[in-house]
Amino acid sequence: MTSTRDQRNQRDLTIATLLRAGATYAQVKERLGTSDRAISRVRRAHRIPLPPGRARRTPAQRKWLEAQAVAMLRAGASQRAIYAKLKVAPNALARLRNEHRIPVQSMRAREMFPQGEGGPLHGEPGAAQ
């Protein structure tokens, strides 16, 4: 009878084999019924790189995207509009707002400019207080 540890080791080896063969996380999950976390753990443990095109952004790409996001925030674009265009997460946008001291649009401005076209910001003349 095989132990739970042996079963896990066998599953991990199967995951590693599938990843090396180019399987996506979705394909591994479908075939083995395992979690993203388990797949990621095995990928890191076996030092299996992400396939080209699925790797994380490079520092240069992040810097360019953040510059674009800051410009859009300053122009009054909504987080939803920025995410739709650049795929920059809301928590990253909040960090950029803090770093660049970009105020949040007032609720009234959001109602007047619902698509993120701009409008007065908190503390500016014409902004709802």
C-alpha atoms as a PDB file:
ATOM      1  CA  MET A   1       0.000   0.000   0.000  1.00  0.00           C
ATOM      2  CA  THR A   2       1.365   3.407  -0.944  1.00  0.00           C
ATOM      3  CA  SER A   3       1.551   6.215   1.543  1.00  0.00           C
ATOM      4  CA  THR A   4       0.121   9.698   1.061  1.00  0.00           C
ATOM      5  CA  ARG A   5       3.661  11.026   0.693  1.00  0.00           C
ATOM      6  CA  ASP A   6       4.420   8.526  -2.088  1.00  0.00           C
ATOM      7  CA  GLN A   7       1.196   9.490  -3.865  1.00  0.00           C
ATOM      8  CA  ARG A   8       2.089  13.171  -3.612  1.00  0.00           C
ATOM      9  CA  ASN A   9       5.610  12.547  -4.907  1.00  0.00           C
ATOM     10  CA  GLN A  10       4.201  10.583  -7.844  1.00  0.00           C
ATOM     11  CA  ARG A  11       1.678  13.348  -8.581  1.00  0.00           C
ATOM     12  CA  ASP A  12       4.454  15.967  -8.389  1.00  0.00           C
ATOM     13  CA  LEU A  13       6.571  14.000 -10.864  1.00  0.00           C
ATOM     14  CA  THR A  14       3.579  13.737 -13.207  1.00  0.00           C
ATOM     15  CA  ILE A  15       2.978  17.502 -12.919  1.00  0.00           C
ATOM     16  CA  ALA A  16       6.653  18.194 -13.659  1.00  0.00           C
ATOM     17  CA  THR A  17       6.579  15.883 -16.687  1.00  0.00           C
ATOM     18  CA  LEU A  18       3.450  17.575 -18.066  1.00  0.00           C
ATOM     19  CA  LEU A  19       4.901  21.063 -17.521  1.00  0.00           C
ATOM     20  CA  ARG A  20       8.160  20.127 -19.251  1.00  0.00           C
ATOM     21  CA  ALA A  21       6.086  18.808 -22.159  1.00  0.00           C
ATOM     22  CA  GLY A  22       4.504  22.264 -22.474  1.00  0.00           C
ATOM     23  CA  ALA A  23       1.146  21.685 -20.769  1.00  0.00           C
ATOM     24  CA  THR A  24      -0.635  24.735 -19.399  1.00  0.00           C
ATOM     25  CA  TYR A  25      -1.821  25.008 -15.813  1.00  0.00           C
ATOM     26  CA  ALA A  26      -5.397  24.522 -17.055  1.00  0.00           C
ATOM     27  CA  GLN A  27      -4.432  21.311 -18.863  1.00  0.00           C
ATOM     28  CA  VAL A  28      -2.610  19.927 -15.809  1.00  0.00           C
ATOM     29  CA  LYS A  29      -5.544  20.842 -13.542  1.00  0.00           C
ATOM     30  CA  GLU A  30      -8.018  19.167 -15.887  1.00  0.00           C
ATOM     31  CA  ARG A  31      -5.979  16.002 -16.226  1.00  0.00           C
ATOM     32  CA  LEU A  32      -4.917  15.579 -12.596  1.00  0.00           C
ATOM     33  CA  GLY A  33      -7.519  17.566 -10.666  1.00  0.00           C
ATOM     34  CA  THR A  34      -4.857  19.516  -8.817  1.00  0.00           C
ATOM     35  CA  SER A  35      -4.635  23.170  -7.772  1.00  0.00           C
ATOM     36  CA  ASP A  36      -2.744  26.120  -9.258  1.00  0.00           C
ATOM     37  CA  ARG A  37      -0.807  26.323  -6.018  1.00  0.00           C
ATOM     38  CA  ALA A  38       0.406  22.711  -6.292  1.00  0.00           C
ATOM     39  CA  ILE A  39       1.391  23.203  -9.928  1.00  0.00           C
ATOM     40  CA  SER A  40       3.250  26.401  -9.105  1.00  0.00           C
ATOM     41  CA  ARG A  41       5.029  24.726  -6.176  1.00  0.00           C
ATOM     42  CA  VAL A  42       6.171  21.849  -8.391  1.00  0.00           C
ATOM     43  CA  ARG A  43       7.251  24.227 -11.179  1.00  0.00           C
ATOM     44  CA  ARG A  44       9.417  26.196  -8.744  1.00  0.00           C
ATOM     45  CA  ALA A  45      10.772  23.100  -6.970  1.00  0.00           C
ATOM     46  CA  HIS A  46      11.829  21.531 -10.269  1.00  0.00           C
ATOM     47  CA  ARG A  47      13.026  24.890 -11.660  1.00  0.00           C
ATOM     48  CA  ILE A  48      10.776  24.639 -14.690  1.00  0.00           C
ATOM     49  CA  PRO A  49      10.546  28.061 -16.374  1.00  0.00           C
ATOM     50  CA  LEU A  50       7.283  29.465 -17.638  1.00  0.00           C
ATOM     51  CA  PRO A  51       6.941  28.987 -21.395  1.00  0.00           C
ATOM     52  CA  PRO A  52       7.729  31.991 -23.612  1.00  0.00           C
ATOM     53  CA  GLY A  53       4.817  34.373 -23.746  1.00  0.00           C
ATOM     54  CA  ARG A  54       3.534  33.320 -20.330  1.00  0.00           C
ATOM     55  CA  ALA A  55       6.371  34.728 -18.262  1.00  0.00           C
ATOM     56  CA  ARG A  56       5.866  37.680 -15.997  1.00  0.00           C
ATOM     57  CA  ARG A  57       6.589  41.170 -17.226  1.00  0.00           C
ATOM     58  CA  THR A  58      10.182  42.282 -17.403  1.00  0.00           C
ATOM     59  CA  PRO A  59      11.278  45.266 -15.302  1.00  0.00           C
ATOM     60  CA  ALA A  60      11.389  47.405 -18.458  1.00  0.00           C
ATOM     61  CA  GLN A  61       7.839  46.367 -19.393  1.00  0.00           C
ATOM     62  CA  ARG A  62       6.617  47.121 -15.851  1.00  0.00           C
ATOM     63  CA  LYS A  63       8.280  50.543 -15.890  1.00  0.00           C
ATOM     64  CA  TRP A  64       6.657  51.417 -19.241  1.00  0.00           C
ATOM     65  CA  LEU A  65       3.221  50.165 -18.114  1.00  0.00           C
ATOM     66  CA  GLU A  66       3.447  52.076 -14.845  1.00  0.00           C
ATOM     67  CA  ALA A  67       4.361  55.280 -16.720  1.00  0.00           C
ATOM     68  CA  GLN A  68       1.324  54.768 -18.957  1.00  0.00           C
ATOM     69  CA  ALA A  69      -0.887  54.077 -15.927  1.00  0.00           C
ATOM     70  CA  VAL A  70       0.343  57.232 -14.157  1.00  0.00           C
ATOM     71  CA  ALA A  71      -0.427  59.302 -17.262  1.00  0.00           C
ATOM     72  CA  MET A  72      -3.922  57.791 -17.440  1.00  0.00           C
ATOM     73  CA  LEU A  73      -4.511  58.378 -13.703  1.00  0.00           C
ATOM     74  CA  ARG A  74      -3.457  62.011 -14.074  1.00  0.00           C
ATOM     75  CA  ALA A  75      -5.844  62.339 -17.030  1.00  0.00           C
ATOM     76  CA  GLY A  76      -8.678  61.102 -14.789  1.00  0.00           C
ATOM     77  CA  ALA A  77      -9.123  57.589 -16.188  1.00  0.00           C
ATOM     78  CA  SER A  78     -10.874  55.089 -13.942  1.00  0.00           C
ATOM     79  CA  GLN A  79      -9.141  52.017 -12.548  1.00  0.00           C
ATOM     80  CA  ARG A  80     -11.469  49.894 -14.652  1.00  0.00           C
ATOM     81  CA  ALA A  81     -10.439  51.737 -17.844  1.00  0.00           C
ATOM     82  CA  ILE A  82      -6.747  51.444 -16.997  1.00  0.00           C
ATOM     83  CA  TYR A  83      -7.058  47.738 -16.237  1.00  0.00           C
ATOM     84  CA  ALA A  84      -8.969  47.154 -19.484  1.00  0.00           C
ATOM     85  CA  LYS A  85      -6.230  48.848 -21.501  1.00  0.00           C
ATOM     86  CA  LEU A  86      -3.021  47.971 -19.627  1.00  0.00           C
ATOM     87  CA  LYS A  87      -3.916  45.043 -17.326  1.00  0.00           C
ATOM     88  CA  VAL A  88      -2.408  46.867 -14.325  1.00  0.00           C
ATOM     89  CA  ALA A  89      -4.045  45.604 -11.135  1.00  0.00           C
ATOM     90  CA  PRO A  90      -6.004  47.928  -8.821  1.00  0.00           C
ATOM     91  CA  ASN A  91      -3.547  47.468  -5.938  1.00  0.00           C
ATOM     92  CA  ALA A  92      -0.692  48.551  -8.230  1.00  0.00           C
ATOM     93  CA  LEU A  93      -2.738  51.585  -9.290  1.00  0.00           C
ATOM     94  CA  ALA A  94      -3.324  52.494  -5.632  1.00  0.00           C
ATOM     95  CA  ARG A  95       0.418  52.239  -5.011  1.00  0.00           C
ATOM     96  CA  LEU A  96       1.121  54.471  -8.031  1.00  0.00           C
ATOM     97  CA  ARG A  97      -1.468  57.015  -6.824  1.00  0.00           C
ATOM     98  CA  ASN A  98       0.311  57.178  -3.458  1.00  0.00           C
ATOM     99  CA  GLU A  99       3.821  57.341  -4.936  1.00  0.00           C
ATOM    100  CA  HIS A 100       2.899  60.100  -7.400  1.00  0.00           C
ATOM    101  CA  ARG A 101       0.442  61.861  -5.071  1.00  0.00           C
ATOM    102  CA  ILE A 102      -2.413  61.584  -7.559  1.00  0.00           C
ATOM    103  CA  PRO A 103      -5.707  62.353  -5.823  1.00  0.00           C
ATOM    104  CA  VAL A 104      -8.794  60.197  -6.286  1.00  0.00           C
ATOM    105  CA  GLN A 105     -11.601  61.692  -8.369  1.00  0.00           C
ATOM    106  CA  SER A 106     -14.594  62.950  -6.436  1.00  0.00           C
ATOM    107  CA  MET A 107     -17.839  60.953  -6.643  1.00  0.00           C
ATOM    108  CA  ARG A 108     -19.525  63.860  -8.440  1.00  0.00           C
ATOM    109  CA  ALA A 109     -16.785  63.926 -11.066  1.00  0.00           C
ATOM    110  CA  ARG A 110     -17.247  60.192 -11.580  1.00  0.00           C
ATOM    111  CA  GLU A 111     -20.945  60.745 -12.171  1.00  0.00           C
ATOM    112  CA  MET A 112     -20.261  63.580 -14.613  1.00  0.00           C
ATOM    113  CA  PHE A 113     -17.454  61.702 -16.394  1.00  0.00           C
ATOM    114  CA  PRO A 114     -18.389  58.003 -16.071  1.00  0.00           C
ATOM    115  CA  GLN A 115     -15.943  56.656 -18.648  1.00  0.00           C
ATOM    116  CA  GLY A 116     -12.888  58.180 -16.964  1.00  0.00           C
ATOM    117  CA  GLU A 117     -12.671  61.138 -19.343  1.00  0.00           C
ATOM    118  CA  GLY A 118     -11.424  63.356 -16.546  1.00  0.00           C
ATOM    119  CA  GLY A 119     -12.947  65.953 -14.338  1.00  0.00           C
ATOM    120  CA  PRO A 120     -12.173  67.775 -11.104  1.00  0.00           C
ATOM    121  CA  LEU A 121     -10.210  65.964  -8.432  1.00  0.00           C
ATOM    122  CA  HIS A 122     -10.652  66.117  -4.652  1.00  0.00           C
ATOM    123  CA  GLY A 123      -9.416  69.455  -3.382  1.00  0.00           C
ATOM    124  CA  GLU A 124      -9.667  71.204  -6.750  1.00  0.00           C
ATOM    125  CA  PRO A 125     -12.132  74.007  -7.485  1.00  0.00           C
ATOM    126  CA  GLY A 126     -15.375  72.506  -8.721  1.00  0.00           C
ATOM    127  CA  ALA A 127     -14.843  69.194  -6.941  1.00  0.00           C
ATOM    128  CA  ALA A 128     -17.583  67.882  -4.647  1.00  0.00           C
ATOM    129  CA  GLN A 129     -16.419  68.114  -1.051  1.00  0.00           C
END
